[in-house]
Amino acid sequence: MTRHRLTMRALPETFAICRLEPSAAAPAWIPQHGFTAVIRTAEELSVYCSESAVPEDVRAERGWRALQLVGPFPFEMFGVIASVASPLADAGISLSVLATYDTDYIFVRGTSLAKAAEVLRAAGHNVAGPV
């Protein structure tokens, strides 16, 4: 497997990953600024956003931190996520992944962020930001 040496930046905020019904309208509480992702499938409407924006009664997994893989990465480049996911999996750290046009984001539990940074550095990656 190709292993890349990547640079990633820990985003300072804490995130929630929310699950809404697939037919739900995009809620008004979704932030209009900062990191926000809204994904609709036939099975669900998922929202990744700042934890502080999510009402208490919304079904959500709270306490996630994000590592932005500093891109851009060409679409032809393969193994980017595997280079990060494999060492984290070997260390027993679960993750969630989002991709944008230019880069990728890895979400880990906030309680695992320091350990994730340590594991990723040991795998040859550069991790910057508040961990």
N, C-alpha and C. Protein backbone atom coordinates (compact mmCIF):
# COMPACT_ATOMS: atom_id res chain seq x y z
N MET A 1 0.84 -1.18 0.00
CA MET A 1 0.00 0.00 0.00
C MET A 1 0.89 1.25 0.00
N THR A 2 0.49 2.24 -0.76
CA THR A 2 1.21 3.50 -0.80
C THR A 2 0.98 4.25 0.50
N ARG A 3 2.04 4.70 1.10
CA ARG A 3 1.95 5.50 2.33
C ARG A 3 2.41 6.91 2.00
N HIS A 4 1.56 7.85 2.24
CA HIS A 4 1.89 9.25 2.02
C HIS A 4 2.32 9.87 3.34
N ARG A 5 3.19 10.85 3.27
CA ARG A 5 3.54 11.66 4.43
C ARG A 5 2.74 12.94 4.29
N LEU A 6 1.73 13.07 5.12
CA LEU A 6 0.77 14.16 4.99
C LEU A 6 0.94 15.20 6.09
N THR A 7 0.50 16.40 5.78
CA THR A 7 0.40 17.45 6.78
C THR A 7 -1.06 17.64 7.10
N MET A 8 -1.38 17.68 8.37
CA MET A 8 -2.77 17.91 8.77
C MET A 8 -2.81 18.93 9.89
N ARG A 9 -3.95 19.59 9.95
CA ARG A 9 -4.16 20.66 10.92
C ARG A 9 -5.37 20.32 11.77
N ALA A 10 -5.21 20.34 13.08
CA ALA A 10 -6.34 20.12 13.98
C ALA A 10 -7.17 21.40 14.03
N LEU A 11 -8.45 21.28 13.72
CA LEU A 11 -9.34 22.43 13.81
C LEU A 11 -9.66 22.66 15.29
N PRO A 12 -9.82 23.91 15.71
CA PRO A 12 -9.94 24.20 17.14
C PRO A 12 -11.29 23.85 17.75
N GLU A 13 -12.35 23.81 16.97
CA GLU A 13 -13.67 23.61 17.55
C GLU A 13 -13.99 22.13 17.77
N THR A 14 -15.02 21.90 18.56
CA THR A 14 -15.54 20.56 18.80
C THR A 14 -16.80 20.42 17.95
N PHE A 15 -16.96 19.25 17.33
CA PHE A 15 -18.04 19.03 16.37
C PHE A 15 -19.04 18.00 16.87
N ALA A 16 -20.22 18.07 16.27
CA ALA A 16 -21.24 17.05 16.46
C ALA A 16 -21.55 16.46 15.09
N ILE A 17 -21.88 15.19 15.08
CA ILE A 17 -22.35 14.52 13.87
C ILE A 17 -23.80 14.15 14.13
N CYS A 18 -24.69 14.77 13.39
CA CYS A 18 -26.13 14.66 13.66
C CYS A 18 -26.81 13.78 12.63
N ARG A 19 -27.88 13.12 13.08
CA ARG A 19 -28.69 12.29 12.20
C ARG A 19 -30.13 12.75 12.26
N LEU A 20 -30.66 13.13 11.09
CA LEU A 20 -32.04 13.55 10.97
C LEU A 20 -32.73 12.61 9.98
N GLU A 21 -34.04 12.70 9.93
CA GLU A 21 -34.80 11.87 8.99
C GLU A 21 -34.48 12.28 7.55
N PRO A 22 -34.51 11.33 6.61
CA PRO A 22 -34.12 11.64 5.24
C PRO A 22 -34.98 12.71 4.57
N SER A 23 -36.23 12.84 4.99
CA SER A 23 -37.12 13.83 4.39
C SER A 23 -37.09 15.18 5.10
N ALA A 24 -36.30 15.27 6.17
CA ALA A 24 -36.25 16.51 6.95
C ALA A 24 -35.68 17.66 6.12
N ALA A 25 -36.23 18.85 6.33
CA ALA A 25 -35.65 20.04 5.73
C ALA A 25 -34.36 20.37 6.46
N ALA A 26 -33.44 21.02 5.78
CA ALA A 26 -32.21 21.45 6.45
C ALA A 26 -32.61 22.39 7.59
N PRO A 27 -32.25 22.07 8.82
CA PRO A 27 -32.71 22.87 9.96
C PRO A 27 -32.09 24.27 9.99
N ALA A 28 -32.83 25.19 10.58
CA ALA A 28 -32.39 26.58 10.67
C ALA A 28 -31.16 26.74 11.57
N TRP A 29 -30.91 25.77 12.47
CA TRP A 29 -29.78 25.91 13.38
C TRP A 29 -28.43 25.58 12.72
N ILE A 30 -28.44 25.09 11.49
CA ILE A 30 -27.17 24.78 10.81
C ILE A 30 -26.38 26.08 10.63
N PRO A 31 -25.13 26.11 11.09
CA PRO A 31 -24.33 27.33 10.97
C PRO A 31 -24.12 27.74 9.50
N GLN A 32 -24.15 29.03 9.27
CA GLN A 32 -23.92 29.56 7.93
C GLN A 32 -22.44 29.88 7.68
N HIS A 33 -21.62 29.77 8.71
CA HIS A 33 -20.18 30.04 8.60
C HIS A 33 -19.42 28.94 9.32
N GLY A 34 -18.15 28.81 9.02
CA GLY A 34 -17.33 27.79 9.64
C GLY A 34 -17.57 26.44 8.99
N PHE A 35 -16.94 25.42 9.53
CA PHE A 35 -17.04 24.09 8.94
C PHE A 35 -18.43 23.51 9.17
N THR A 36 -19.12 23.22 8.09
CA THR A 36 -20.43 22.59 8.14
C THR A 36 -20.58 21.70 6.92
N ALA A 37 -21.07 20.50 7.10
CA ALA A 37 -21.36 19.60 5.98
C ALA A 37 -22.75 19.03 6.18
N VAL A 38 -23.54 19.07 5.12
CA VAL A 38 -24.88 18.52 5.14
C VAL A 38 -24.94 17.48 4.03
N ILE A 39 -25.29 16.24 4.40
CA ILE A 39 -25.29 15.13 3.45
C ILE A 39 -26.64 14.43 3.50
N ARG A 40 -27.30 14.40 2.36
CA ARG A 40 -28.60 13.74 2.29
C ARG A 40 -28.46 12.45 1.47
N THR A 41 -28.98 11.36 2.04
CA THR A 41 -29.07 10.10 1.31
C THR A 41 -30.52 9.64 1.41
N ALA A 42 -30.82 8.50 0.80
CA ALA A 42 -32.17 7.96 0.89
C ALA A 42 -32.51 7.53 2.32
N GLU A 43 -31.49 7.28 3.15
CA GLU A 43 -31.70 6.78 4.50
C GLU A 43 -31.63 7.83 5.60
N GLU A 44 -30.98 8.97 5.34
CA GLU A 44 -30.79 9.94 6.41
C GLU A 44 -30.34 11.29 5.88
N LEU A 45 -30.45 12.28 6.75
CA LEU A 45 -29.84 13.59 6.54
C LEU A 45 -28.81 13.73 7.66
N SER A 46 -27.54 13.83 7.29
CA SER A 46 -26.47 13.95 8.29
C SER A 46 -25.92 15.36 8.25
N VAL A 47 -25.58 15.87 9.43
CA VAL A 47 -25.00 17.20 9.55
C VAL A 47 -23.75 17.10 10.41
N TYR A 48 -22.65 17.62 9.91
CA TYR A 48 -21.41 17.79 10.66
C TYR A 48 -21.29 19.29 10.89
N CYS A 49 -21.21 19.71 12.14
CA CYS A 49 -21.08 21.14 12.42
C CYS A 49 -20.58 21.34 13.85
N SER A 50 -20.35 22.59 14.18
CA SER A 50 -19.92 22.94 15.53
C SER A 50 -20.92 22.39 16.54
N GLU A 51 -20.41 21.72 17.54
CA GLU A 51 -21.26 21.13 18.58
C GLU A 51 -22.14 22.17 19.25
N SER A 52 -21.63 23.37 19.40
CA SER A 52 -22.38 24.42 20.10
C SER A 52 -23.64 24.85 19.34
N ALA A 53 -23.74 24.56 18.06
CA ALA A 53 -24.91 24.96 17.27
C ALA A 53 -26.06 23.97 17.36
N VAL A 54 -25.79 22.76 17.86
CA VAL A 54 -26.78 21.68 17.81
C VAL A 54 -27.66 21.70 19.05
N PRO A 55 -28.98 21.83 18.86
CA PRO A 55 -29.89 21.78 20.02
C PRO A 55 -29.78 20.44 20.75
N GLU A 56 -30.01 20.48 22.05
CA GLU A 56 -29.88 19.28 22.89
C GLU A 56 -30.79 18.13 22.45
N ASP A 57 -31.95 18.44 21.88
CA ASP A 57 -32.91 17.39 21.53
C ASP A 57 -32.64 16.75 20.16
N VAL A 58 -31.56 17.14 19.50
CA VAL A 58 -31.22 16.56 18.20
C VAL A 58 -30.37 15.31 18.41
N ARG A 59 -30.73 14.25 17.69
CA ARG A 59 -29.94 13.01 17.75
C ARG A 59 -28.55 13.29 17.17
N ALA A 60 -27.53 13.20 18.01
CA ALA A 60 -26.18 13.56 17.58
C ALA A 60 -25.13 12.84 18.42
N GLU A 61 -24.02 12.59 17.79
CA GLU A 61 -22.82 12.14 18.48
C GLU A 61 -21.96 13.38 18.66
N ARG A 62 -21.76 13.76 19.88
CA ARG A 62 -21.03 14.99 20.18
C ARG A 62 -19.59 14.69 20.61
N GLY A 63 -18.77 15.73 20.62
CA GLY A 63 -17.41 15.58 21.14
C GLY A 63 -16.38 15.14 20.11
N TRP A 64 -16.59 15.43 18.86
CA TRP A 64 -15.64 15.06 17.80
C TRP A 64 -14.70 16.22 17.52
N ARG A 65 -13.47 15.89 17.16
CA ARG A 65 -12.49 16.88 16.70
C ARG A 65 -12.09 16.51 15.28
N ALA A 66 -11.69 17.52 14.52
CA ALA A 66 -11.37 17.31 13.11
C ALA A 66 -9.91 17.60 12.81
N LEU A 67 -9.35 16.76 11.96
CA LEU A 67 -8.03 16.99 11.40
C LEU A 67 -8.21 17.24 9.91
N GLN A 68 -7.80 18.42 9.45
CA GLN A 68 -7.88 18.75 8.04
C GLN A 68 -6.58 18.30 7.38
N LEU A 69 -6.69 17.43 6.39
CA LEU A 69 -5.52 17.04 5.63
C LEU A 69 -5.24 18.17 4.66
N VAL A 70 -4.05 18.76 4.77
CA VAL A 70 -3.73 19.93 3.98
C VAL A 70 -3.53 19.51 2.52
N GLY A 71 -4.42 19.97 1.67
CA GLY A 71 -4.40 19.67 0.25
C GLY A 71 -4.01 20.90 -0.54
N PRO A 72 -4.42 20.96 -1.78
CA PRO A 72 -5.35 20.03 -2.42
C PRO A 72 -4.67 18.74 -2.85
N PHE A 73 -5.52 17.72 -3.02
CA PHE A 73 -5.07 16.42 -3.51
C PHE A 73 -5.73 16.18 -4.87
N PRO A 74 -4.96 15.79 -5.86
CA PRO A 74 -5.58 15.48 -7.15
C PRO A 74 -6.47 14.24 -7.01
N PHE A 75 -7.54 14.20 -7.78
CA PHE A 75 -8.46 13.07 -7.71
C PHE A 75 -7.77 11.76 -8.08
N GLU A 76 -6.70 11.81 -8.83
CA GLU A 76 -5.98 10.60 -9.24
C GLU A 76 -5.09 10.05 -8.13
N MET A 77 -4.88 10.81 -7.09
CA MET A 77 -4.02 10.37 -5.98
C MET A 77 -4.77 9.35 -5.14
N PHE A 78 -4.17 8.20 -4.93
CA PHE A 78 -4.83 7.16 -4.16
C PHE A 78 -4.06 6.87 -2.87
N GLY A 79 -4.78 6.34 -1.89
CA GLY A 79 -4.15 5.95 -0.63
C GLY A 79 -4.05 7.04 0.41
N VAL A 80 -4.63 8.21 0.14
CA VAL A 80 -4.53 9.32 1.10
C VAL A 80 -5.22 8.94 2.41
N ILE A 81 -6.47 8.56 2.34
CA ILE A 81 -7.21 8.20 3.55
C ILE A 81 -6.60 6.97 4.21
N ALA A 82 -6.21 5.99 3.42
CA ALA A 82 -5.60 4.78 3.98
C ALA A 82 -4.34 5.10 4.77
N SER A 83 -3.57 6.10 4.33
CA SER A 83 -2.35 6.48 5.03
C SER A 83 -2.62 6.99 6.44
N VAL A 84 -3.83 7.50 6.65
CA VAL A 84 -4.22 8.01 7.96
C VAL A 84 -5.05 6.97 8.71
N ALA A 85 -6.01 6.38 8.01
CA ALA A 85 -6.93 5.44 8.66
C ALA A 85 -6.23 4.18 9.16
N SER A 86 -5.27 3.69 8.42
CA SER A 86 -4.61 2.44 8.81
C SER A 86 -3.90 2.54 10.16
N PRO A 87 -3.03 3.55 10.38
CA PRO A 87 -2.39 3.62 11.70
C PRO A 87 -3.39 3.90 12.83
N LEU A 88 -4.44 4.68 12.54
CA LEU A 88 -5.44 4.93 13.57
C LEU A 88 -6.20 3.65 13.91
N ALA A 89 -6.56 2.87 12.90
CA ALA A 89 -7.24 1.59 13.15
C ALA A 89 -6.34 0.65 13.95
N ASP A 90 -5.07 0.60 13.59
CA ASP A 90 -4.13 -0.26 14.33
C ASP A 90 -4.03 0.15 15.80
N ALA A 91 -4.26 1.44 16.08
CA ALA A 91 -4.20 1.94 17.46
C ALA A 91 -5.56 1.89 18.15
N GLY A 92 -6.58 1.38 17.45
CA GLY A 92 -7.91 1.27 18.06
C GLY A 92 -8.65 2.60 18.15
N ILE A 93 -8.35 3.52 17.25
CA ILE A 93 -9.01 4.83 17.25
C ILE A 93 -10.00 4.88 16.10
N SER A 94 -11.28 5.05 16.43
CA SER A 94 -12.30 5.11 15.39
C SER A 94 -12.31 6.50 14.76
N LEU A 95 -12.83 6.57 13.54
CA LEU A 95 -12.84 7.84 12.83
C LEU A 95 -14.05 7.93 11.93
N SER A 96 -14.30 9.13 11.48
CA SER A 96 -15.29 9.42 10.46
C SER A 96 -14.57 10.31 9.45
N VAL A 97 -14.88 10.15 8.17
CA VAL A 97 -14.16 10.85 7.11
C VAL A 97 -15.13 11.65 6.26
N LEU A 98 -14.74 12.85 5.91
CA LEU A 98 -15.45 13.68 4.93
C LEU A 98 -14.45 14.17 3.91
N ALA A 99 -14.88 14.25 2.67
CA ALA A 99 -14.03 14.77 1.61
C ALA A 99 -14.69 15.97 0.96
N THR A 100 -13.86 16.95 0.61
CA THR A 100 -14.31 18.09 -0.18
C THR A 100 -13.60 18.01 -1.52
N TYR A 101 -13.81 18.98 -2.37
CA TYR A 101 -13.17 18.98 -3.68
C TYR A 101 -11.64 18.99 -3.54
N ASP A 102 -11.12 19.78 -2.61
CA ASP A 102 -9.68 19.96 -2.48
C ASP A 102 -8.99 19.09 -1.45
N THR A 103 -9.71 18.66 -0.42
CA THR A 103 -9.02 17.98 0.67
C THR A 103 -9.95 17.03 1.41
N ASP A 104 -9.44 16.44 2.47
CA ASP A 104 -10.20 15.49 3.28
C ASP A 104 -10.11 15.91 4.74
N TYR A 105 -11.10 15.46 5.51
CA TYR A 105 -11.16 15.73 6.94
C TYR A 105 -11.36 14.42 7.66
N ILE A 106 -10.60 14.22 8.71
CA ILE A 106 -10.71 13.04 9.56
C ILE A 106 -11.25 13.51 10.91
N PHE A 107 -12.33 12.89 11.35
CA PHE A 107 -12.92 13.21 12.66
C PHE A 107 -12.62 12.08 13.62
N VAL A 108 -12.12 12.42 14.80
CA VAL A 108 -11.88 11.46 15.87
C VAL A 108 -12.54 12.01 17.13
N ARG A 109 -12.84 11.15 18.06
CA ARG A 109 -13.39 11.61 19.34
C ARG A 109 -12.38 12.56 19.99
N GLY A 110 -12.91 13.62 20.58
CA GLY A 110 -12.04 14.59 21.23
C GLY A 110 -11.13 13.96 22.27
N THR A 111 -11.64 12.95 22.96
CA THR A 111 -10.85 12.26 23.98
C THR A 111 -9.71 11.45 23.37
N SER A 112 -9.76 11.22 22.06
CA SER A 112 -8.72 10.45 21.36
C SER A 112 -7.78 11.33 20.54
N LEU A 113 -8.01 12.63 20.50
CA LEU A 113 -7.24 13.49 19.60
C LEU A 113 -5.75 13.47 19.90
N ALA A 114 -5.35 13.61 21.15
CA ALA A 114 -3.92 13.62 21.49
C ALA A 114 -3.26 12.30 21.10
N LYS A 115 -3.92 11.20 21.38
CA LYS A 115 -3.38 9.89 21.00
C LYS A 115 -3.33 9.75 19.48
N ALA A 116 -4.38 10.22 18.78
CA ALA A 116 -4.40 10.16 17.32
C ALA A 116 -3.22 10.95 16.75
N ALA A 117 -2.97 12.15 17.27
CA ALA A 117 -1.85 12.96 16.80
C ALA A 117 -0.53 12.23 17.02
N GLU A 118 -0.38 11.61 18.18
CA GLU A 118 0.83 10.85 18.49
C GLU A 118 1.02 9.70 17.50
N VAL A 119 -0.05 8.96 17.24
CA VAL A 119 0.00 7.81 16.31
C VAL A 119 0.33 8.29 14.90
N LEU A 120 -0.29 9.37 14.48
CA LEU A 120 -0.06 9.88 13.13
C LEU A 120 1.35 10.42 12.96
N ARG A 121 1.87 11.08 13.98
CA ARG A 121 3.26 11.54 13.92
C ARG A 121 4.22 10.35 13.84
N ALA A 122 3.95 9.31 14.60
CA ALA A 122 4.79 8.11 14.56
C ALA A 122 4.74 7.44 13.19
N ALA A 123 3.64 7.64 12.47
CA ALA A 123 3.50 7.07 11.12
C ALA A 123 4.13 7.98 10.06
N GLY A 124 4.73 9.09 10.49
CA GLY A 124 5.44 9.97 9.56
C GLY A 124 4.68 11.19 9.11
N HIS A 125 3.50 11.43 9.67
CA HIS A 125 2.72 12.60 9.31
C HIS A 125 3.05 13.80 10.19
N ASN A 126 2.75 14.99 9.70
CA ASN A 126 2.91 16.22 10.46
C ASN A 126 1.52 16.65 10.94
N VAL A 127 1.35 16.81 12.24
CA VAL A 127 0.07 17.25 12.80
C VAL A 127 0.29 18.57 13.54
N ALA A 128 -0.42 19.61 13.09
CA ALA A 128 -0.30 20.93 13.69
C ALA A 128 -1.64 21.34 14.28
N GLY A 129 -1.62 22.31 15.17
CA GLY A 129 -2.86 22.83 15.73
C GLY A 129 -3.05 22.40 17.15
N PRO A 130 -4.15 22.86 17.74
CA PRO A 130 -4.42 22.57 19.15
C PRO A 130 -4.89 21.14 19.37
N VAL A 131 -4.01 20.31 19.90
CA VAL A 131 -4.38 18.93 20.22
C VAL A 131 -4.31 18.77 21.72
